[in-house]
Amino acid sequence: MKRIGYVIEEIVQMDNMNEAFDTVVHGTKRKESSEGQWLIKHREGFLREAAAEIRSGHIDLGKSHETEIVEAGKRRRLQIFKMKVRIKVAAVMIPVDRHLRRRYIRTTASSIKGRGLHDLKSYIERDIRQDPYGTMYGYKYDISKCYDTVIHDFVRYALGRIFKDKKLLAIFDQFLAAFEHSTFEAMYAEGVGLSMGLRSSQGFLNTLLSVFLDHYLKDRYRVKHDYRYCDDGLTLNGMKRVLWKHHDIVHERIEAIGQKVKPNDRVFPITEGLDFLGYVIYPTHTLLRKRVKKNFARKLHDVKSRRRRAELVASFYGMAKHANCRNLMKTLLTANEMKKFSELGVSYTPLDGKKRFTGEVVRLGAIVNKEIEVHDFERNVKTSHGDERYLISFRDKATGEFGKFFTNSDEMKSILESLSERKDSFPFETVIRSEIYGAGKTKYKFT
């Protein structure tokens, strides 16, 4: 296949430079930082200068801030560059990644646009479903400290087989040298390691493994079912002895570029489950990896904020929806459901023991023949009309407003006392009617 030239001309086009700017300077935090505000204010001038710098074949990466992070239980060394540098690197890598993508085998993923872990997972599930006898066994491997042990000369060779633009290759050399200028580099030999902080590093690693491993397995050894996600690899076959040959080929190719496969690689029947990409894939179904479930359950148990809980659930759902996890979701979310205050059934009781009802006091005659909900009552309330009155809290169904009224009706009192002895009797719906009795007297009752 012919090598690619004239990539610099694609990089310095203003459409590409603007895309790189928008990719890096996004989000409130970055835009409101002092560097972000300066970049937004001087956008056009900065992009013209950056394009001229790239066209010259030399990019000033400046100094980086260095730190260590813990990710999935692993300590990683991270270089943090200024946004000005990241815009220039992104401008270079956007068209470069587009060209590189066409050189990768279809079943490699990670840091490739449109090829995430779910895309690769769907290919594995499809191949197992369509070729059950040719995927009965699997060989799974992982490269030890992959980014830290990459030898630059092999990366240069792999990139040189794809690109012939000398200025672009010179820029690639500067990206590789970024790790050499780091204090972390003192731990390694010169010309070893990729910077975990530059966007270029993912593309460089994918290219290295594509040239020295993926295409050897596919083109030279005709491996039908081969999958790779960054430095994790998997091959499937219907015979164990073939997979042990894959084992020898992988070790030979990885060691040829100065790296090592972790000693926990193995050949196994897929009926045990393919622990890959955060899932355990079986021939008939797919489950989440146990560690993912445990981490989510632990975080959900400790969370206090309703907003943070919603974020965790959304993140977990993004993984669980690609597996057969309906019962798992129900179990975890029901067991850890955070209750609202209104669901706790707690209310304030004043020191005098009397209840306090909301709403205005209304005459009983004013709500006759209206549909209401009786919510609660208070006994033996003293009023200007006499003692031992009952105060009743209600809600008007027509208006939805709460109110309260006094009554001395023996019938109403008896009914309320009887209902209070029953469980879940309040609130109840009723219509209050009035009746005339005796010498023009009026009495009120629930109906």
Protein backbone atom coordinates (compact mmCIF):
# COMPACT_ATOMS: atom_id res chain seq x y z
CA MET A 1 0.00 0.00 0.00
CA LYS A 2 1.31 3.45 -0.93
CA ARG A 3 2.54 5.79 1.77
CA ILE A 4 0.56 8.96 2.44
CA GLY A 5 1.95 12.44 1.73
CA TYR A 6 0.83 16.07 1.90
CA VAL A 7 -0.86 15.63 5.28
CA ILE A 8 0.51 18.96 6.52
CA GLU A 9 -1.72 20.72 3.99
CA GLU A 10 -4.77 18.99 5.52
CA ILE A 11 -3.68 19.92 9.03
CA VAL A 12 -3.24 23.66 8.47
CA GLN A 13 -6.63 24.17 6.84
CA MET A 14 -8.70 26.52 9.03
CA ASP A 15 -11.64 24.11 9.20
CA ASN A 16 -9.34 21.54 10.81
CA MET A 17 -7.71 24.13 13.11
CA ASN A 18 -11.14 25.33 14.30
CA GLU A 19 -12.26 21.76 14.95
CA ALA A 20 -9.16 21.19 17.07
CA PHE A 21 -9.83 24.41 18.99
CA ASP A 22 -13.44 23.44 19.74
CA THR A 23 -12.35 19.92 20.74
CA VAL A 24 -9.93 21.21 23.38
CA VAL A 25 -11.60 24.45 24.57
CA HIS A 26 -14.93 23.00 25.63
CA GLY A 27 -16.78 22.86 28.93
CA THR A 28 -17.41 25.65 31.42
CA LYS A 29 -14.31 24.95 33.51
CA ARG A 30 -11.90 25.25 30.58
CA LYS A 31 -13.65 28.24 29.02
CA GLU A 32 -13.69 30.19 32.30
CA SER A 33 -10.02 29.54 33.10
CA SER A 34 -7.57 32.36 32.43
CA GLU A 35 -5.96 30.45 29.54
CA GLY A 36 -9.35 29.56 28.10
CA GLN A 37 -10.55 33.18 28.20
CA TRP A 38 -7.35 34.33 26.49
CA LEU A 39 -7.71 31.69 23.76
CA ILE A 40 -11.35 32.60 23.10
CA LYS A 41 -10.47 36.30 22.89
CA HIS A 42 -7.49 35.73 20.54
CA ARG A 43 -8.85 32.71 18.69
CA GLU A 44 -8.19 33.74 15.06
CA GLY A 45 -4.71 35.10 15.69
CA PHE A 46 -3.68 32.07 17.75
CA LEU A 47 -4.90 29.62 15.11
CA ARG A 48 -3.02 31.44 12.35
CA GLU A 49 0.20 31.31 14.40
CA ALA A 50 -0.38 27.64 15.29
CA ALA A 51 -0.95 26.76 11.61
CA ALA A 52 2.28 28.53 10.63
CA GLU A 53 4.15 26.67 13.38
CA ILE A 54 2.83 23.30 12.19
CA ARG A 55 3.63 24.17 8.56
CA SER A 56 7.26 24.75 9.59
CA GLY A 57 7.52 21.17 10.89
CA HIS A 58 8.30 22.16 14.48
CA ILE A 59 5.87 22.52 17.42
CA ASP A 60 6.89 24.04 20.74
CA LEU A 61 5.39 21.71 23.38
CA GLY A 62 6.69 23.78 26.28
CA LYS A 63 6.75 22.34 29.78
CA SER A 64 4.17 19.95 31.18
CA HIS A 65 2.80 19.50 34.65
CA GLU A 66 3.42 15.96 35.85
CA THR A 67 1.34 13.90 38.26
CA GLU A 68 0.41 10.36 39.17
CA ILE A 69 -3.13 9.03 39.07
CA VAL A 70 -4.73 5.76 40.18
CA GLU A 71 -7.01 4.23 37.56
CA ALA A 72 -8.64 0.79 37.99
CA GLY A 73 -6.18 0.05 40.77
CA LYS A 74 -3.15 0.94 38.61
CA ARG A 75 -0.78 3.87 39.18
CA ARG A 76 -0.21 5.85 35.99
CA ARG A 77 2.16 8.74 35.24
CA LEU A 78 0.36 11.58 33.53
CA GLN A 79 1.74 14.66 31.75
CA ILE A 80 -0.66 17.62 31.62
CA PHE A 81 0.04 20.14 28.86
CA LYS A 82 -1.38 23.62 28.39
CA MET A 83 -4.44 24.02 26.18
CA LYS A 84 -2.37 25.87 23.57
CA VAL A 85 -0.23 22.76 23.11
CA ARG A 86 -3.22 20.41 23.14
CA ILE A 87 -4.91 22.42 20.36
CA LYS A 88 -1.81 22.05 18.15
CA VAL A 89 -1.54 18.32 18.89
CA ALA A 90 -5.26 17.81 18.22
CA ALA A 91 -4.95 19.70 14.92
CA VAL A 92 -2.20 17.30 13.84
CA MET A 93 -3.91 14.13 15.03
CA ILE A 94 -7.44 14.73 13.67
CA PRO A 95 -6.46 14.11 10.00
CA VAL A 96 -3.69 11.67 11.01
CA ASP A 97 -6.17 9.51 12.95
CA ARG A 98 -8.47 9.59 9.93
CA HIS A 99 -5.71 8.13 7.75
CA LEU A 100 -4.59 5.65 10.38
CA ARG A 101 -8.12 4.35 10.90
CA ARG A 102 -8.13 2.90 7.38
CA ARG A 103 -4.97 0.89 8.15
CA TYR A 104 -6.32 -0.85 11.26
CA ILE A 105 -8.09 -4.20 11.13
CA ARG A 106 -11.83 -3.82 11.78
CA THR A 107 -11.72 -5.64 15.12
CA THR A 108 -9.30 -3.32 16.87
CA ALA A 109 -10.74 -0.60 19.10
CA SER A 110 -9.89 2.04 21.76
CA SER A 111 -9.23 5.70 20.93
CA ILE A 112 -10.57 5.17 17.40
CA LYS A 113 -13.59 7.23 16.36
CA GLY A 114 -16.68 5.03 16.11
CA ARG A 115 -14.85 2.01 17.56
CA GLY A 116 -15.40 1.87 21.29
CA LEU A 117 -15.59 -1.15 23.57
CA HIS A 118 -19.30 -1.72 22.82
CA ASP A 119 -18.59 -1.80 19.08
CA LEU A 120 -15.87 -4.43 19.60
CA LYS A 121 -18.07 -6.38 22.02
CA SER A 122 -20.84 -6.56 19.41
CA TYR A 123 -18.36 -8.09 16.91
CA ILE A 124 -17.30 -10.77 19.42
CA GLU A 125 -20.92 -11.66 20.23
CA ARG A 126 -21.79 -11.77 16.53
CA ASP A 127 -18.87 -14.10 15.70
CA ILE A 128 -19.72 -16.45 18.58
CA ARG A 129 -23.35 -16.56 17.42
CA GLN A 130 -22.54 -17.10 13.72
CA ASP A 131 -19.59 -19.48 14.17
CA PRO A 132 -20.20 -21.46 17.40
CA TYR A 133 -17.82 -24.31 16.49
CA GLY A 134 -15.04 -21.99 15.36
CA THR A 135 -15.16 -19.97 18.60
CA MET A 136 -15.32 -22.71 21.24
CA TYR A 137 -12.01 -21.69 22.86
CA GLY A 138 -10.26 -18.39 23.49
CA TYR A 139 -6.74 -17.10 24.06
CA LYS A 140 -6.60 -13.88 26.08
CA TYR A 141 -3.47 -11.81 26.73
CA ASP A 142 -2.39 -8.42 28.05
CA ILE A 143 0.82 -6.48 27.39
CA SER A 144 2.69 -5.52 30.56
CA LYS A 145 3.13 -1.74 31.17
CA CYS A 146 2.48 -1.12 27.51
CA TYR A 147 2.76 2.69 27.33
CA ASP A 148 5.81 2.83 29.59
CA THR A 149 7.83 0.25 27.62
CA VAL A 150 7.18 1.35 24.02
CA ILE A 151 10.48 1.75 22.15
CA HIS A 152 10.44 4.87 19.98
CA ASP A 153 12.40 3.39 17.09
CA PHE A 154 9.68 0.81 16.45
CA VAL A 155 7.01 3.54 16.52
CA ARG A 156 9.03 5.59 14.01
CA TYR A 157 9.34 2.55 11.75
CA ALA A 158 5.59 1.82 11.92
CA LEU A 159 4.66 5.45 11.19
CA GLY A 160 7.23 5.62 8.39
CA ARG A 161 5.50 2.72 6.64
CA ILE A 162 2.29 4.79 6.46
CA PHE A 163 3.40 8.42 6.06
CA LYS A 164 6.12 9.91 3.86
CA ASP A 165 5.64 13.60 4.75
CA LYS A 166 9.02 14.54 6.30
CA LYS A 167 7.68 17.53 8.21
CA LEU A 168 4.92 15.41 9.69
CA LEU A 169 7.39 12.69 10.70
CA ALA A 170 9.53 15.38 12.35
CA ILE A 171 6.48 16.50 14.37
CA PHE A 172 5.89 12.87 15.38
CA ASP A 173 9.47 12.76 16.70
CA GLN A 174 8.70 15.77 18.90
CA PHE A 175 5.60 14.04 20.29
CA LEU A 176 7.71 10.97 21.11
CA ALA A 177 10.36 13.12 22.75
CA ALA A 178 7.79 14.71 25.09
CA PHE A 179 8.20 11.75 27.45
CA GLU A 180 12.01 12.03 27.28
CA HIS A 181 11.78 15.60 28.58
CA SER A 182 9.71 14.38 31.53
CA THR A 183 11.14 13.63 34.96
CA PHE A 184 9.38 10.28 34.67
CA GLU A 185 11.71 9.33 31.80
CA ALA A 186 14.61 9.02 34.25
CA MET A 187 13.06 5.69 35.33
CA TYR A 188 13.53 4.26 31.83
CA ALA A 189 16.16 4.02 29.13
CA GLU A 190 16.40 6.80 26.57
CA GLY A 191 13.93 6.51 23.70
CA VAL A 192 11.38 4.47 25.67
CA GLY A 193 7.81 5.28 26.75
CA LEU A 194 4.81 7.23 25.45
CA SER A 195 3.42 10.30 27.17
CA MET A 196 0.05 9.62 28.79
CA GLY A 197 -1.14 13.16 28.28
CA LEU A 198 -0.69 13.77 24.56
CA ARG A 199 -3.48 12.77 22.21
CA SER A 200 -0.91 11.35 19.81
CA SER A 201 0.09 8.51 22.14
CA GLN A 202 -3.06 6.42 21.57
CA GLY A 203 -2.65 6.63 17.80
CA PHE A 204 1.05 5.76 18.04
CA LEU A 205 0.36 2.68 20.19
CA ASN A 206 -2.44 1.47 17.92
CA THR A 207 -0.20 1.92 14.87
CA LEU A 208 2.70 0.06 16.50
CA LEU A 209 0.55 -2.94 17.44
CA SER A 210 -1.31 -2.83 14.13
CA VAL A 211 1.90 -3.10 12.10
CA PHE A 212 3.77 -5.57 14.32
CA LEU A 213 0.92 -7.72 15.63
CA ASP A 214 -2.58 -7.33 14.14
CA HIS A 215 -1.63 -7.60 10.49
CA TYR A 216 0.76 -10.47 11.18
CA LEU A 217 -2.05 -12.45 12.83
CA LYS A 218 -4.57 -11.60 10.11
CA ASP A 219 -2.48 -11.48 6.94
CA ARG A 220 0.34 -13.95 7.52
CA TYR A 221 -1.25 -16.51 9.86
CA ARG A 222 -4.89 -16.15 8.70
CA VAL A 223 -6.31 -15.79 12.22
CA LYS A 224 -10.03 -15.46 11.59
CA HIS A 225 -11.24 -14.24 14.98
CA ASP A 226 -8.75 -11.69 16.33
CA TYR A 227 -9.71 -8.76 18.59
CA ARG A 228 -7.68 -6.07 20.33
CA TYR A 229 -8.64 -3.26 22.68
CA CYS A 230 -5.58 -1.10 23.31
CA ASP A 231 -3.07 -3.51 24.96
CA ASP A 232 -5.61 -6.29 25.67
CA GLY A 233 -5.97 -8.99 23.03
CA LEU A 234 -8.19 -11.98 22.32
CA THR A 235 -8.26 -14.68 19.63
CA LEU A 236 -10.94 -17.38 19.23
CA ASN A 237 -10.79 -20.78 17.56
CA GLY A 238 -12.45 -24.19 17.63
CA MET A 239 -9.24 -26.02 18.64
CA LYS A 240 -6.96 -25.49 21.62
CA ARG A 241 -3.80 -26.49 19.76
CA VAL A 242 -4.37 -23.68 17.25
CA LEU A 243 -4.74 -21.18 20.07
CA TRP A 244 -1.47 -22.36 21.62
CA LYS A 245 0.14 -21.52 18.27
CA HIS A 246 -1.46 -18.06 18.55
CA HIS A 247 0.08 -17.87 22.03
CA ASP A 248 3.56 -18.49 20.60
CA ILE A 249 3.05 -15.99 17.74
CA VAL A 250 1.83 -13.23 20.08
CA HIS A 251 4.74 -13.72 22.46
CA GLU A 252 7.22 -13.73 19.57
CA ARG A 253 5.82 -10.55 18.00
CA ILE A 254 5.49 -8.63 21.28
CA GLU A 255 8.98 -9.58 22.42
CA ALA A 256 10.33 -8.58 18.99
CA ILE A 257 9.39 -4.95 19.73
CA GLY A 258 10.93 -5.03 23.22
CA GLN A 259 7.77 -5.61 25.26
CA LYS A 260 6.34 -8.48 27.30
CA VAL A 261 3.04 -10.30 27.65
CA LYS A 262 1.79 -10.63 31.23
CA PRO A 263 2.18 -14.17 32.61
CA ASN A 264 -1.57 -14.48 33.28
CA ASP A 265 -2.44 -15.11 29.60
CA ARG A 266 -4.37 -18.35 29.08
CA VAL A 267 -6.28 -20.63 26.72
CA PHE A 268 -9.75 -21.63 27.95
CA PRO A 269 -13.23 -22.74 26.79
CA ILE A 270 -15.55 -19.79 26.32
CA THR A 271 -18.26 -21.61 28.27
CA GLU A 272 -16.28 -20.35 31.31
CA GLY A 273 -16.99 -16.80 30.11
CA LEU A 274 -14.82 -14.33 28.20
CA ASP A 275 -13.75 -11.72 30.77
CA PHE A 276 -13.09 -8.92 28.29
CA LEU A 277 -14.00 -5.22 27.89
CA GLY A 278 -15.64 -5.02 31.32
CA TYR A 279 -18.07 -7.85 30.53
CA VAL A 280 -18.16 -11.62 30.87
CA ILE A 281 -19.35 -12.93 27.50
CA TYR A 282 -20.93 -16.39 27.32
CA PRO A 283 -22.18 -18.19 24.19
CA THR A 284 -25.80 -17.55 25.25
CA HIS A 285 -25.69 -14.28 27.17
CA THR A 286 -23.48 -11.46 28.50
CA LEU A 287 -23.02 -10.28 32.09
CA LEU A 288 -21.14 -7.42 33.69
CA ARG A 289 -17.73 -8.12 35.19
CA LYS A 290 -17.97 -8.82 38.93
CA ARG A 291 -15.59 -5.98 39.81
CA VAL A 292 -17.78 -3.47 37.94
CA LYS A 293 -20.87 -4.62 39.87
CA LYS A 294 -19.11 -4.52 43.25
CA ASN A 295 -17.64 -1.06 42.67
CA PHE A 296 -21.03 0.33 41.65
CA ALA A 297 -22.83 -1.24 44.63
CA ARG A 298 -20.17 0.11 47.02
CA LYS A 299 -20.36 3.64 45.62
CA LEU A 300 -24.16 3.61 45.59
CA HIS A 301 -24.24 2.49 49.22
CA ASP A 302 -21.97 5.34 50.34
CA VAL A 303 -23.48 8.15 48.27
CA LYS A 304 -25.43 10.86 50.11
CA SER A 305 -26.35 13.28 47.34
CA ARG A 306 -29.39 12.53 45.20
CA ARG A 307 -27.70 14.25 42.24
CA ARG A 308 -24.53 12.19 42.59
CA ARG A 309 -26.65 9.05 42.90
CA ALA A 310 -28.40 9.87 39.62
CA GLU A 311 -24.99 10.30 37.95
CA LEU A 312 -23.79 6.91 39.23
CA VAL A 313 -26.98 5.17 38.12
CA ALA A 314 -26.73 6.73 34.65
CA SER A 315 -23.10 5.65 34.32
CA PHE A 316 -23.88 2.10 35.43
CA TYR A 317 -26.90 1.92 33.15
CA GLY A 318 -24.64 2.88 30.23
CA MET A 319 -22.73 -0.36 30.84
CA ALA A 320 -25.61 -2.58 32.00
CA LYS A 321 -27.88 -1.88 29.03
CA HIS A 322 -25.40 -3.71 26.77
CA ALA A 323 -25.66 -6.89 28.86
CA ASN A 324 -28.36 -9.16 30.28
CA CYS A 325 -28.63 -7.28 33.57
CA ARG A 326 -32.29 -6.46 34.12
CA ASN A 327 -32.53 -8.35 37.43
CA LEU A 328 -29.19 -6.94 38.58
CA MET A 329 -30.37 -3.37 37.99
CA LYS A 330 -33.61 -4.05 39.83
CA THR A 331 -31.81 -5.66 42.78
CA LEU A 332 -29.17 -2.96 43.20
CA LEU A 333 -31.45 0.03 42.70
CA THR A 334 -34.26 -1.32 44.91
CA ALA A 335 -31.87 -2.24 47.71
CA ASN A 336 -30.25 1.19 47.62
CA GLU A 337 -33.28 3.32 46.80
CA MET A 338 -32.96 6.68 48.49
CA LYS A 339 -36.28 7.69 50.05
CA LYS A 340 -37.78 11.14 49.85
CA PHE A 341 -38.60 12.94 53.11
CA SER A 342 -42.29 12.77 52.23
CA GLU A 343 -42.01 8.96 52.13
CA LEU A 344 -40.54 8.63 55.63
CA GLY A 345 -43.80 9.43 57.46
CA VAL A 346 -42.07 11.77 59.94
CA SER A 347 -43.88 14.86 61.23
CA TYR A 348 -43.24 17.51 63.85
CA THR A 349 -45.08 17.11 67.19
CA PRO A 350 -45.21 20.29 69.36
CA LEU A 351 -44.38 20.08 73.06
CA ASP A 352 -48.03 20.50 74.02
CA GLY A 353 -48.88 17.39 72.02
CA LYS A 354 -51.39 19.21 69.85
CA LYS A 355 -51.38 18.89 66.07
CA ARG A 356 -50.90 21.88 63.80
CA PHE A 357 -52.92 21.87 60.56
CA THR A 358 -52.33 24.08 57.50
CA GLY A 359 -55.02 26.15 55.82
CA GLU A 360 -57.67 28.65 56.91
CA VAL A 361 -60.49 27.87 59.37
CA VAL A 362 -63.81 27.73 57.51
CA ARG A 363 -67.43 27.44 58.65
CA LEU A 364 -68.80 23.96 58.37
CA GLY A 365 -71.79 25.27 56.43
CA ALA A 366 -69.44 26.66 53.75
CA ILE A 367 -68.27 23.21 52.65
CA VAL A 368 -71.58 21.38 52.72
CA ASN A 369 -72.22 19.30 49.56
CA LYS A 370 -68.57 19.66 48.44
CA GLU A 371 -66.22 16.73 47.75
CA ILE A 372 -63.42 16.84 50.27
CA GLU A 373 -60.61 14.65 51.59
CA VAL A 374 -60.40 14.35 55.38
CA HIS A 375 -56.70 14.02 56.32
CA ASP A 376 -56.52 14.20 60.12
CA PHE A 377 -58.22 15.50 63.27
CA GLU A 378 -57.40 16.80 66.75
CA ARG A 379 -59.48 16.02 69.85
CA ASN A 380 -60.65 18.23 72.75
CA VAL A 381 -59.85 21.65 71.36
CA LYS A 382 -61.02 24.68 73.39
CA THR A 383 -62.89 27.37 71.43
CA SER A 384 -64.91 30.48 72.25
CA HIS A 385 -68.06 28.40 71.64
CA GLY A 386 -67.11 25.68 74.12
CA ASP A 387 -64.66 22.90 74.98
CA GLU A 388 -64.15 19.39 73.63
CA ARG A 389 -64.50 20.42 70.00
CA TYR A 390 -62.80 18.40 67.25
CA LEU A 391 -60.60 20.22 64.74
CA ILE A 392 -60.62 18.48 61.33
CA SER A 393 -58.05 19.00 58.53
CA PHE A 394 -59.33 18.60 54.98
CA ARG A 395 -58.48 19.28 51.32
CA ASP A 396 -61.02 20.66 48.86
CA LYS A 397 -60.89 18.35 45.82
CA ALA A 398 -62.08 21.06 43.47
CA THR A 399 -59.42 23.64 44.37
CA GLY A 400 -56.77 21.40 45.92
CA GLU A 401 -56.42 23.78 48.88
CA PHE A 402 -56.20 22.67 52.50
CA GLY A 403 -58.49 23.99 55.22
CA LYS A 404 -59.82 23.08 58.66
CA PHE A 405 -63.10 23.31 60.58
CA PHE A 406 -64.43 22.75 64.10
CA THR A 407 -67.25 20.38 64.97
CA ASN A 408 -69.10 19.27 68.07
CA SER A 409 -71.18 16.64 66.24
CA ASP A 410 -71.30 13.43 68.25
CA GLU A 411 -71.85 11.47 65.04
CA MET A 412 -68.73 12.94 63.37
CA LYS A 413 -66.66 12.44 66.52
CA SER A 414 -67.72 8.80 66.80
CA ILE A 415 -66.91 8.09 63.15
CA LEU A 416 -63.45 9.74 63.41
CA GLU A 417 -62.61 7.76 66.56
CA SER A 418 -63.68 4.54 64.89
CA LEU A 419 -61.57 5.25 61.77
CA SER A 420 -58.51 6.18 63.83
CA GLU A 421 -58.41 2.64 65.19
CA ARG A 422 -58.12 1.21 61.69
CA LYS A 423 -54.88 1.09 59.70
CA ASP A 424 -54.54 3.35 56.65
CA SER A 425 -57.99 4.95 57.12
CA PHE A 426 -56.74 8.50 56.48
CA PRO A 427 -57.15 10.30 54.21
CA PHE A 428 -60.65 9.40 53.03
CA GLU A 429 -63.06 11.07 50.62
CA THR A 430 -66.49 12.27 51.72
CA VAL A 431 -69.25 14.80 51.17
CA ILE A 432 -70.67 16.58 54.23
CA ARG A 433 -74.48 16.82 54.27
CA SER A 434 -76.72 18.89 56.55
CA GLU A 435 -80.07 17.89 58.09
CA ILE A 436 -82.74 19.88 59.94
CA TYR A 437 -84.13 18.31 63.11
CA GLY A 438 -86.06 19.31 66.24
CA ALA A 439 -86.94 23.01 66.52
CA GLY A 440 -85.08 24.12 63.38
CA LYS A 441 -81.70 22.80 64.50
CA THR A 442 -79.03 21.72 61.96
CA LYS A 443 -76.72 18.76 62.18
CA TYR A 444 -73.85 17.75 59.86
CA LYS A 445 -72.65 14.28 58.93
CA PHE A 446 -70.19 12.44 56.64
CA THR A 447 -71.73 10.68 53.64
